[in-house]
Structures are given as C-alpha cells and as structure tokens.
Amino acid sequence: MCIAVFFDTYRNEEEGDPSANYIALCTYGKPSEMRWPAPRLAFTPNLSVQLKDRNVHTARILFRPPVLSIFLDDSPSPVLESVVDLSIVVDRQGGAWVGFTASTGGGYENHDILNWSFTGTEVSSSMSVVSSRITFLMSACLPDRNLCTPESAVVEHSDAGYHVILPGNLEWSASIPNPPGRTVMVTNAHGIVCWDLKTGGSNGRSGPSANGTPAGAGFLAAGAPAGALIMRTREGQTWFSVNGRSGAGFKNNQGFYE
C-alpha cells in the first residue's frame, strides 16, 4: 500500500483523468481489492499554473495529521488539500518509505528533480489521538470517506463499563443505560474527526478533547469546542456525539472517536 502525490501532465481519458494539468492524491489498489480509502482521494480539476511550461516549479507537501496539503510555487494557500490516514501505509513501528517515481506508458516526457528535502518533526499535541491505539476494525468503514468512518455506532458492555465507537457523521448515535442519571466518566478516548475541512482547513478537525473556544450557535453544544466529544443524559440514557453543526451537513463529517 502507498499514498502518492501525482503531478499529471497527460490526460488518460480511459482512466478518468480530469485534465492534462492536475495534481491528485492517490492510493494504490482497485475498488474491488479494497473498500477504503478510495483510489483517488482528491484532485485539482485543472491547475492555473501549467506544469509543463518549461519553467522550474516548486512544490511543498505538508502533513498536519490528518490533513495533507500541496503548495505550488509561491502560493500562500494549498492548491490541493485532503484528509488522509497514513495508518494504511506505515508498518507496525510507524515507519514508511518516501521516494519518487515516474512513468509515461507509450509516450515520453522529461522531468527533472533539481532539489528536494524532507523534514520530519516530533509530534506533540494535547489531542488524545496522537498517542492512542485505534482498535476499530477498518474493514467496517464507509467506502466514500478518506478517514475511516464507521457505518454505525458500536456499544459493547463489559465488567469494566462500556466500549463505545462513535461515528463522526451521525448525531447522538450511541448511548448507554443510565437510569439514575449519574455522571459518566470517559477514559482513554481517542480518534480523529474532520467536520469542516473545506472552509476550516486543518482547523476543521480534532480529537475528542477538541481544545479551543466554545463553538457557538448552530452546533449541538454551543458551549463546547467544535469537534469535541459531548454527552447528554435524557430519560435514563446517556448519549454521545461529536460536536458538529446540527443539520444535513453533519453527515459529511469523517472519522470516529473510540
């Protein structure tokens, strides 16, 4: 398995290429071979910059989990941005290879890499997703999301309490019995959810704690940060949800909390 950034300058109509001048994020595999993620995670229909104009172009690839951004030349904003889950390509120790490849089929073009560098940083964050171990079975993810998004909530009872898997795209989808209305304690919560990547960029995603200011009107819990794991107790049940904007847009959220 691999995730690749394509700089494509030839349109293969039989493969559904959008143009002869676009950038795409792709993953190896065919739809019949894997259910998630999609082969083409995201793409630019047609770039304003011509990639094969015989000029030197600079590309910068920035990964701020789980958002992968592609910058071109001096553009202050990314020309392509999408959520990705690198857990599908790393080994058990979290390692992966970084490299380059090119192919032209029966044609030919000349592309030169004049200079490149790779910078890795130590990940540190207050979000619980950074140090957590996700145990949810990835095969049960919806097929049309870049981040694993379960089809439905899972609630499992044990002597220690309850194990809950909460889809990011469903409002108040999981609950546990709580007839006395006691305070519910959540431990070892982890996962990641994106709810507003298009307008919020990398700020439109979070872990369960979702550090930030109150989300305000329009969200399920106005006084909690956007994307936070929230709870409410009614009629003997305590319900769980991601704090997103209530309404039709909620179903477009990606990811899950566990």
C-alpha atoms as a PDB file:
ATOM      1  CA  MET A   1       0.000   0.000   0.000  1.00  0.00           C
ATOM      2  CA  CYS A   2       1.140   3.544  -0.668  1.00  0.00           C
ATOM      3  CA  ILE A   3      -0.125   7.101  -0.867  1.00  0.00           C
ATOM      4  CA  ALA A   4       1.193   9.194  -3.743  1.00  0.00           C
ATOM      5  CA  VAL A   5       1.069  12.801  -4.872  1.00  0.00           C
ATOM      6  CA  PHE A   6       0.548  12.802  -8.654  1.00  0.00           C
ATOM      7  CA  PHE A   7       1.743  15.687 -10.823  1.00  0.00           C
ATOM      8  CA  ASP A   8      -0.026  14.641 -14.003  1.00  0.00           C
ATOM      9  CA  THR A   9       0.631  16.321 -17.360  1.00  0.00           C
ATOM     10  CA  TYR A  10      -1.065  13.863 -19.712  1.00  0.00           C
ATOM     11  CA  ARG A  11      -4.749  13.096 -19.859  1.00  0.00           C
ATOM     12  CA  ASN A  12      -5.602   9.395 -19.984  1.00  0.00           C
ATOM     13  CA  GLU A  13      -9.303   9.552 -20.724  1.00  0.00           C
ATOM     14  CA  GLU A  14      -9.700   5.805 -20.208  1.00  0.00           C
ATOM     15  CA  GLU A  15      -8.533   6.285 -16.603  1.00  0.00           C
ATOM     16  CA  GLY A  16     -10.846   9.226 -15.944  1.00  0.00           C
ATOM     17  CA  ASP A  17      -8.156  11.900 -15.751  1.00  0.00           C
ATOM     18  CA  PRO A  18      -9.818  15.324 -15.303  1.00  0.00           C
ATOM     19  CA  SER A  19      -7.281  17.138 -17.500  1.00  0.00           C
ATOM     20  CA  ALA A  20      -3.692  17.162 -18.752  1.00  0.00           C
ATOM     21  CA  ASN A  21      -2.597  19.527 -15.985  1.00  0.00           C
ATOM     22  CA  TYR A  22      -3.643  18.481 -12.499  1.00  0.00           C
ATOM     23  CA  ILE A  23      -2.443  17.238  -9.121  1.00  0.00           C
ATOM     24  CA  ALA A  24      -4.001  14.297  -7.323  1.00  0.00           C
ATOM     25  CA  LEU A  25      -3.642  12.317  -4.108  1.00  0.00           C
ATOM     26  CA  CYS A  26      -3.923   8.620  -4.911  1.00  0.00           C
ATOM     27  CA  THR A  27      -3.569   5.302  -3.143  1.00  0.00           C
ATOM     28  CA  TYR A  28      -2.512   2.005  -4.666  1.00  0.00           C
ATOM     29  CA  GLY A  29      -5.261  -0.512  -5.264  1.00  0.00           C
ATOM     30  CA  LYS A  30      -8.514  -1.060  -7.170  1.00  0.00           C
ATOM     31  CA  PRO A  31     -12.034  -0.622  -5.759  1.00  0.00           C
ATOM     32  CA  SER A  32     -12.592  -4.378  -5.972  1.00  0.00           C
ATOM     33  CA  GLU A  33      -9.475  -5.005  -3.894  1.00  0.00           C
ATOM     34  CA  MET A  34     -10.111  -2.598  -1.040  1.00  0.00           C
ATOM     35  CA  ARG A  35     -13.128  -0.927   0.386  1.00  0.00           C
ATOM     36  CA  TRP A  36     -11.358   2.040   1.926  1.00  0.00           C
ATOM     37  CA  PRO A  37      -9.891   4.500   1.102  1.00  0.00           C
ATOM     38  CA  ALA A  38     -10.847   5.487  -2.445  1.00  0.00           C
ATOM     39  CA  PRO A  39      -8.133   5.083  -5.144  1.00  0.00           C
ATOM     40  CA  ARG A  40      -8.166   8.823  -5.947  1.00  0.00           C
ATOM     41  CA  LEU A  41      -8.530  10.626  -2.640  1.00  0.00           C
ATOM     42  CA  ALA A  42      -8.630  14.147  -4.068  1.00  0.00           C
ATOM     43  CA  PHE A  43      -7.565  16.089  -7.156  1.00  0.00           C
ATOM     44  CA  THR A  44      -7.471  19.533  -8.746  1.00  0.00           C
ATOM     45  CA  PRO A  45      -9.620  19.545 -11.918  1.00  0.00           C
ATOM     46  CA  ASN A  46      -7.222  21.896 -13.710  1.00  0.00           C
ATOM     47  CA  LEU A  47      -4.382  23.976 -12.328  1.00  0.00           C
ATOM     48  CA  SER A  48      -3.986  27.669 -13.141  1.00  0.00           C
ATOM     49  CA  VAL A  49      -0.222  27.043 -13.409  1.00  0.00           C
ATOM     50  CA  GLN A  50       0.938  24.989 -16.396  1.00  0.00           C
ATOM     51  CA  LEU A  51       3.174  22.227 -15.070  1.00  0.00           C
ATOM     52  CA  LYS A  52       4.900  21.630 -18.410  1.00  0.00           C
ATOM     53  CA  ASP A  53       5.610  25.232 -19.448  1.00  0.00           C
ATOM     54  CA  ARG A  54       9.390  24.566 -19.339  1.00  0.00           C
ATOM     55  CA  ASN A  55       9.755  26.652 -16.199  1.00  0.00           C
ATOM     56  CA  VAL A  56      11.037  25.482 -12.817  1.00  0.00           C
ATOM     57  CA  HIS A  57       8.241  24.851 -10.318  1.00  0.00           C
ATOM     58  CA  THR A  58       8.469  24.361  -6.572  1.00  0.00           C
ATOM     59  CA  ALA A  59       6.142  22.017  -4.712  1.00  0.00           C
ATOM     60  CA  ARG A  60       5.772  21.760  -0.949  1.00  0.00           C
ATOM     61  CA  ILE A  61       3.926  18.852   0.694  1.00  0.00           C
ATOM     62  CA  LEU A  62       2.819  19.481   4.272  1.00  0.00           C
ATOM     63  CA  PHE A  63       1.214  16.892   6.530  1.00  0.00           C
ATOM     64  CA  ARG A  64      -0.566  18.078   9.664  1.00  0.00           C
ATOM     65  CA  PRO A  65      -2.468  14.960  10.748  1.00  0.00           C
ATOM     66  CA  PRO A  66      -4.778  14.112   9.190  1.00  0.00           C
ATOM     67  CA  VAL A  67      -4.596  16.891   6.563  1.00  0.00           C
ATOM     68  CA  LEU A  68      -2.202  16.612   3.613  1.00  0.00           C
ATOM     69  CA  SER A  69      -1.672  19.913   1.772  1.00  0.00           C
ATOM     70  CA  ILE A  70       0.080  20.565  -1.546  1.00  0.00           C
ATOM     71  CA  PHE A  71       1.514  24.033  -2.210  1.00  0.00           C
ATOM     72  CA  LEU A  72       2.786  25.074  -5.639  1.00  0.00           C
ATOM     73  CA  ASP A  73       5.359  27.773  -6.352  1.00  0.00           C
ATOM     74  CA  ASP A  74       4.761  30.858  -4.160  1.00  0.00           C
ATOM     75  CA  SER A  75       1.084  30.247  -3.449  1.00  0.00           C
ATOM     76  CA  PRO A  76       0.314  31.057   0.213  1.00  0.00           C
ATOM     77  CA  SER A  77      -2.625  28.642   0.190  1.00  0.00           C
ATOM     78  CA  PRO A  78      -2.615  24.997  -0.898  1.00  0.00           C
ATOM     79  CA  VAL A  79      -3.696  24.096  -4.412  1.00  0.00           C
ATOM     80  CA  LEU A  80      -4.901  20.746  -3.057  1.00  0.00           C
ATOM     81  CA  GLU A  81      -5.850  19.665   0.447  1.00  0.00           C
ATOM     82  CA  SER A  82      -7.454  16.491   1.764  1.00  0.00           C
ATOM     83  CA  VAL A  83      -7.687  14.332   4.849  1.00  0.00           C
ATOM     84  CA  VAL A  84      -5.672  11.100   4.690  1.00  0.00           C
ATOM     85  CA  ASP A  85      -4.975   8.304   7.148  1.00  0.00           C
ATOM     86  CA  LEU A  86      -1.327   7.237   6.989  1.00  0.00           C
ATOM     87  CA  SER A  87      -2.034   4.193   9.150  1.00  0.00           C
ATOM     88  CA  ILE A  88      -2.832   2.321   5.926  1.00  0.00           C
ATOM     89  CA  VAL A  89       0.759   2.614   4.688  1.00  0.00           C
ATOM     90  CA  VAL A  90       3.021   2.522   7.752  1.00  0.00           C
ATOM     91  CA  ASP A  91       4.409  -0.637   9.300  1.00  0.00           C
ATOM     92  CA  ARG A  92       3.859  -1.801  12.885  1.00  0.00           C
ATOM     93  CA  GLN A  93       6.605   0.536  14.105  1.00  0.00           C
ATOM     94  CA  GLY A  94       5.058   3.502  12.303  1.00  0.00           C
ATOM     95  CA  GLY A  95       7.719   3.618   9.568  1.00  0.00           C
ATOM     96  CA  ALA A  96       7.322   4.153   5.827  1.00  0.00           C
ATOM     97  CA  TRP A  97       9.425   4.885   2.739  1.00  0.00           C
ATOM     98  CA  VAL A  98       9.497   8.254   0.989  1.00  0.00           C
ATOM     99  CA  GLY A  99      10.551   8.440  -2.659  1.00  0.00           C
ATOM    100  CA  PHE A 100       9.846   9.346  -6.282  1.00  0.00           C
ATOM    101  CA  THR A 101       8.694   7.520  -9.381  1.00  0.00           C
ATOM    102  CA  ALA A 102       7.518   8.406 -12.882  1.00  0.00           C
ATOM    103  CA  SER A 103       6.015   6.687 -15.902  1.00  0.00           C
ATOM    104  CA  THR A 104       4.712   7.661 -19.336  1.00  0.00           C
ATOM    105  CA  GLY A 105       3.436   4.458 -20.910  1.00  0.00           C
ATOM    106  CA  GLY A 106       3.987   4.606 -24.672  1.00  0.00           C
ATOM    107  CA  GLY A 107       4.870   8.313 -24.729  1.00  0.00           C
ATOM    108  CA  TYR A 108       7.737  10.292 -23.271  1.00  0.00           C
ATOM    109  CA  GLU A 109       8.342  13.480 -21.302  1.00  0.00           C
ATOM    110  CA  ASN A 110      11.328  14.897 -19.458  1.00  0.00           C
ATOM    111  CA  HIS A 111      11.011  15.916 -15.804  1.00  0.00           C
ATOM    112  CA  ASP A 112      13.992  16.791 -13.610  1.00  0.00           C
ATOM    113  CA  ILE A 113      14.057  16.995  -9.823  1.00  0.00           C
ATOM    114  CA  LEU A 114      16.595  19.757  -9.219  1.00  0.00           C
ATOM    115  CA  ASN A 115      16.484  19.747  -5.425  1.00  0.00           C
ATOM    116  CA  TRP A 116      14.446  18.245  -2.634  1.00  0.00           C
ATOM    117  CA  SER A 117      14.436  17.922   1.134  1.00  0.00           C
ATOM    118  CA  PHE A 118      12.466  16.024   3.737  1.00  0.00           C
ATOM    119  CA  THR A 119      11.835  17.283   7.258  1.00  0.00           C
ATOM    120  CA  GLY A 120      10.308  15.156   9.970  1.00  0.00           C
ATOM    121  CA  THR A 121       9.178  16.596  13.275  1.00  0.00           C
ATOM    122  CA  GLU A 122       8.348  15.103  16.622  1.00  0.00           C
ATOM    123  CA  VAL A 123       4.600  15.012  17.031  1.00  0.00           C
ATOM    124  CA  SER A 124       3.348  16.607  20.220  1.00  0.00           C
ATOM    125  CA  SER A 125      -0.185  17.690  20.903  1.00  0.00           C
ATOM    126  CA  SER A 126      -2.788  17.801  23.614  1.00  0.00           C
ATOM    127  CA  MET A 127      -5.125  15.831  21.368  1.00  0.00           C
ATOM    128  CA  SER A 128      -5.505  12.283  22.627  1.00  0.00           C
ATOM    129  CA  VAL A 129      -5.339  10.911  19.093  1.00  0.00           C
ATOM    130  CA  VAL A 130      -1.559  11.392  18.957  1.00  0.00           C
ATOM    131  CA  SER A 131      -0.642   8.690  21.454  1.00  0.00           C
ATOM    132  CA  SER A 132      -3.656   6.419  21.167  1.00  0.00           C
ATOM    133  CA  ARG A 133      -4.040   2.981  19.648  1.00  0.00           C
ATOM    134  CA  ILE A 134      -7.086   2.646  17.406  1.00  0.00           C
ATOM    135  CA  THR A 135      -8.637  -0.809  17.751  1.00  0.00           C
ATOM    136  CA  PHE A 136     -11.653  -0.366  15.484  1.00  0.00           C
ATOM    137  CA  LEU A 137     -11.790  -2.810  12.555  1.00  0.00           C
ATOM    138  CA  MET A 138     -11.077  -0.728   9.431  1.00  0.00           C
ATOM    139  CA  SER A 139     -12.992  -3.096   7.136  1.00  0.00           C
ATOM    140  CA  ALA A 140     -16.254  -1.706   8.560  1.00  0.00           C
ATOM    141  CA  CYS A 141     -15.592   1.821   7.278  1.00  0.00           C
ATOM    142  CA  LEU A 142     -17.834   3.627   4.803  1.00  0.00           C
ATOM    143  CA  PRO A 143     -16.408   3.375   1.269  1.00  0.00           C
ATOM    144  CA  ASP A 144     -16.669   7.080   0.316  1.00  0.00           C
ATOM    145  CA  ARG A 145     -14.558   8.698   3.070  1.00  0.00           C
ATOM    146  CA  ASN A 146     -10.815   9.382   3.218  1.00  0.00           C
ATOM    147  CA  LEU A 147     -10.867   8.948   7.000  1.00  0.00           C
ATOM    148  CA  CYS A 148     -12.285   5.710   8.375  1.00  0.00           C
ATOM    149  CA  THR A 149     -15.929   6.420   9.223  1.00  0.00           C
ATOM    150  CA  PRO A 150     -17.937   3.524  10.718  1.00  0.00           C
ATOM    151  CA  GLU A 151     -21.300   2.661   9.209  1.00  0.00           C
ATOM    152  CA  SER A 152     -22.924   2.765  12.638  1.00  0.00           C
ATOM    153  CA  ALA A 153     -22.109   3.190  16.309  1.00  0.00           C
ATOM    154  CA  VAL A 154     -20.892   0.255  18.409  1.00  0.00           C
ATOM    155  CA  VAL A 155     -21.656  -0.117  22.121  1.00  0.00           C
ATOM    156  CA  GLU A 156     -20.153  -3.113  23.944  1.00  0.00           C
ATOM    157  CA  HIS A 157     -20.751  -3.846  27.628  1.00  0.00           C
ATOM    158  CA  SER A 158     -18.142  -5.400  29.903  1.00  0.00           C
ATOM    159  CA  ASP A 159     -17.427  -5.682  33.633  1.00  0.00           C
ATOM    160  CA  ALA A 160     -15.277  -2.542  33.382  1.00  0.00           C
ATOM    161  CA  GLY A 161     -18.013  -0.474  31.754  1.00  0.00           C
ATOM    162  CA  TYR A 162     -18.781   0.224  28.104  1.00  0.00           C
ATOM    163  CA  HIS A 163     -16.696   0.343  24.954  1.00  0.00           C
ATOM    164  CA  VAL A 164     -18.158   2.885  22.512  1.00  0.00           C
ATOM    165  CA  ILE A 165     -17.209   3.541  18.886  1.00  0.00           C
ATOM    166  CA  LEU A 166     -18.779   6.798  17.741  1.00  0.00           C
ATOM    167  CA  PRO A 167     -19.022   7.692  14.018  1.00  0.00           C
ATOM    168  CA  GLY A 168     -18.225  11.327  13.285  1.00  0.00           C
ATOM    169  CA  ASN A 169     -21.063  11.685  10.779  1.00  0.00           C
ATOM    170  CA  LEU A 170     -24.015  10.635  12.966  1.00  0.00           C
ATOM    171  CA  GLU A 171     -25.649  12.868  15.586  1.00  0.00           C
ATOM    172  CA  TRP A 172     -26.202  11.308  19.032  1.00  0.00           C
ATOM    173  CA  SER A 173     -25.765   7.831  17.566  1.00  0.00           C
ATOM    174  CA  ALA A 174     -24.514   5.940  20.651  1.00  0.00           C
ATOM    175  CA  SER A 175     -25.957   5.648  24.157  1.00  0.00           C
ATOM    176  CA  ILE A 176     -25.558   3.651  27.355  1.00  0.00           C
ATOM    177  CA  PRO A 177     -28.206   2.986  30.027  1.00  0.00           C
ATOM    178  CA  ASN A 178     -28.053   5.417  32.948  1.00  0.00           C
ATOM    179  CA  PRO A 179     -31.381   5.325  34.864  1.00  0.00           C
ATOM    180  CA  PRO A 180     -30.052   7.189  37.951  1.00  0.00           C
ATOM    181  CA  GLY A 181     -28.590   9.949  35.788  1.00  0.00           C
ATOM    182  CA  ARG A 182     -25.114   9.576  37.251  1.00  0.00           C
ATOM    183  CA  THR A 183     -22.099  11.471  35.900  1.00  0.00           C
ATOM    184  CA  VAL A 184     -20.429   9.395  33.175  1.00  0.00           C
ATOM    185  CA  MET A 185     -16.630   9.177  33.164  1.00  0.00           C
ATOM    186  CA  VAL A 186     -14.887   8.704  29.820  1.00  0.00           C
ATOM    187  CA  THR A 187     -11.382   7.215  29.843  1.00  0.00           C
ATOM    188  CA  ASN A 188      -8.806   6.608  27.083  1.00  0.00           C
ATOM    189  CA  ALA A 189     -10.882   8.414  24.451  1.00  0.00           C
ATOM    190  CA  HIS A 190      -9.081   8.652  21.127  1.00  0.00           C
ATOM    191  CA  GLY A 191      -9.679   9.021  17.411  1.00  0.00           C
ATOM    192  CA  ILE A 192      -9.922  11.919  14.994  1.00  0.00           C
ATOM    193  CA  VAL A 193     -12.805  13.655  13.228  1.00  0.00           C
ATOM    194  CA  CYS A 194     -12.926  16.209  10.398  1.00  0.00           C
ATOM    195  CA  TRP A 195     -16.068  18.313  10.153  1.00  0.00           C
ATOM    196  CA  ASP A 196     -15.146  21.390   8.116  1.00  0.00           C
ATOM    197  CA  LEU A 197     -12.016  20.852   6.027  1.00  0.00           C
ATOM    198  CA  LYS A 198     -13.276  22.896   3.055  1.00  0.00           C
ATOM    199  CA  THR A 199     -13.623  26.185   4.930  1.00  0.00           C
ATOM    200  CA  GLY A 200     -11.672  25.473   8.106  1.00  0.00           C
ATOM    201  CA  GLY A 201      -8.657  23.696   6.636  1.00  0.00           C
ATOM    202  CA  SER A 202      -6.561  21.860   9.204  1.00  0.00           C
ATOM    203  CA  ASN A 203      -8.501  23.684  11.943  1.00  0.00           C
ATOM    204  CA  GLY A 204     -11.613  21.800  10.884  1.00  0.00           C
ATOM    205  CA  ARG A 205     -10.541  18.612  12.612  1.00  0.00           C
ATOM    206  CA  SER A 206      -9.797  17.499  16.167  1.00  0.00           C
ATOM    207  CA  GLY A 207      -9.539  14.759  18.724  1.00  0.00           C
ATOM    208  CA  PRO A 208     -12.091  14.095  21.495  1.00  0.00           C
ATOM    209  CA  SER A 209     -10.827  16.919  23.722  1.00  0.00           C
ATOM    210  CA  ALA A 210     -11.011  19.451  20.856  1.00  0.00           C
ATOM    211  CA  ASN A 211      -9.081  22.242  22.559  1.00  0.00           C
ATOM    212  CA  GLY A 212     -10.488  25.597  21.603  1.00  0.00           C
ATOM    213  CA  THR A 213     -13.132  28.202  22.267  1.00  0.00           C
ATOM    214  CA  PRO A 214     -16.858  27.409  22.513  1.00  0.00           C
ATOM    215  CA  ALA A 215     -18.319  26.575  19.115  1.00  0.00           C
ATOM    216  CA  GLY A 216     -21.325  28.873  19.482  1.00  0.00           C
ATOM    217  CA  ALA A 217     -24.740  28.831  17.887  1.00  0.00           C
ATOM    218  CA  GLY A 218     -25.528  26.183  15.295  1.00  0.00           C
ATOM    219  CA  PHE A 219     -23.541  23.424  16.990  1.00  0.00           C
ATOM    220  CA  LEU A 220     -25.038  20.613  19.064  1.00  0.00           C
ATOM    221  CA  ALA A 221     -23.366  22.034  22.187  1.00  0.00           C
ATOM    222  CA  ALA A 222     -22.768  25.778  21.835  1.00  0.00           C
ATOM    223  CA  GLY A 223     -20.597  25.922  24.960  1.00  0.00           C
ATOM    224  CA  ALA A 224     -18.191  23.131  23.916  1.00  0.00           C
ATOM    225  CA  PRO A 225     -15.407  23.360  21.299  1.00  0.00           C
ATOM    226  CA  ALA A 226     -16.209  22.323  17.745  1.00  0.00           C
ATOM    227  CA  GLY A 227     -15.496  18.642  17.183  1.00  0.00           C
ATOM    228  CA  ALA A 228     -15.394  17.760  20.880  1.00  0.00           C
ATOM    229  CA  LEU A 229     -16.817  14.532  22.270  1.00  0.00           C
ATOM    230  CA  ILE A 230     -20.023  15.600  24.033  1.00  0.00           C
ATOM    231  CA  MET A 231     -22.653  13.849  26.171  1.00  0.00           C
ATOM    232  CA  ARG A 232     -26.213  14.392  27.303  1.00  0.00           C
ATOM    233  CA  THR A 233     -28.401  12.347  29.662  1.00  0.00           C
ATOM    234  CA  ARG A 234     -32.126  12.027  28.995  1.00  0.00           C
ATOM    235  CA  GLU A 235     -34.790   9.550  30.067  1.00  0.00           C
ATOM    236  CA  GLY A 236     -32.373   7.081  31.617  1.00  0.00           C
ATOM    237  CA  GLN A 237     -29.837   7.089  28.750  1.00  0.00           C
ATOM    238  CA  THR A 238     -26.546   8.935  28.295  1.00  0.00           C
ATOM    239  CA  TRP A 239     -25.973   9.775  24.641  1.00  0.00           C
ATOM    240  CA  PHE A 240     -22.690  10.584  22.876  1.00  0.00           C
ATOM    241  CA  SER A 241     -21.934  12.685  19.808  1.00  0.00           C
ATOM    242  CA  VAL A 242     -19.307  14.723  18.032  1.00  0.00           C
ATOM    243  CA  ASN A 243     -19.987  18.428  18.493  1.00  0.00           C
ATOM    244  CA  GLY A 244     -20.758  19.432  14.928  1.00  0.00           C
ATOM    245  CA  ARG A 245     -23.180  21.721  13.179  1.00  0.00           C
ATOM    246  CA  SER A 246     -26.642  20.274  13.506  1.00  0.00           C
ATOM    247  CA  GLY A 247     -28.405  19.532  10.238  1.00  0.00           C
ATOM    248  CA  ALA A 248     -27.798  17.982   6.839  1.00  0.00           C
ATOM    249  CA  GLY A 249     -24.106  18.909   6.762  1.00  0.00           C
ATOM    250  CA  PHE A 250     -23.365  16.677   9.740  1.00  0.00           C
ATOM    251  CA  LYS A 251     -23.494  13.566   7.551  1.00  0.00           C
ATOM    252  CA  ASN A 252     -20.420  14.777   5.632  1.00  0.00           C
ATOM    253  CA  ASN A 253     -18.188  14.517   8.712  1.00  0.00           C
ATOM    254  CA  GLN A 254     -15.389  11.964   8.574  1.00  0.00           C
ATOM    255  CA  GLY A 255     -13.666   9.869  11.225  1.00  0.00           C
ATOM    256  CA  PHE A 256     -14.643   8.416  14.587  1.00  0.00           C
ATOM    257  CA  TYR A 257     -13.984   8.511  18.316  1.00  0.00           C
ATOM    258  CA  GLU A 258     -13.463   5.401  20.412  1.00  0.00           C
END
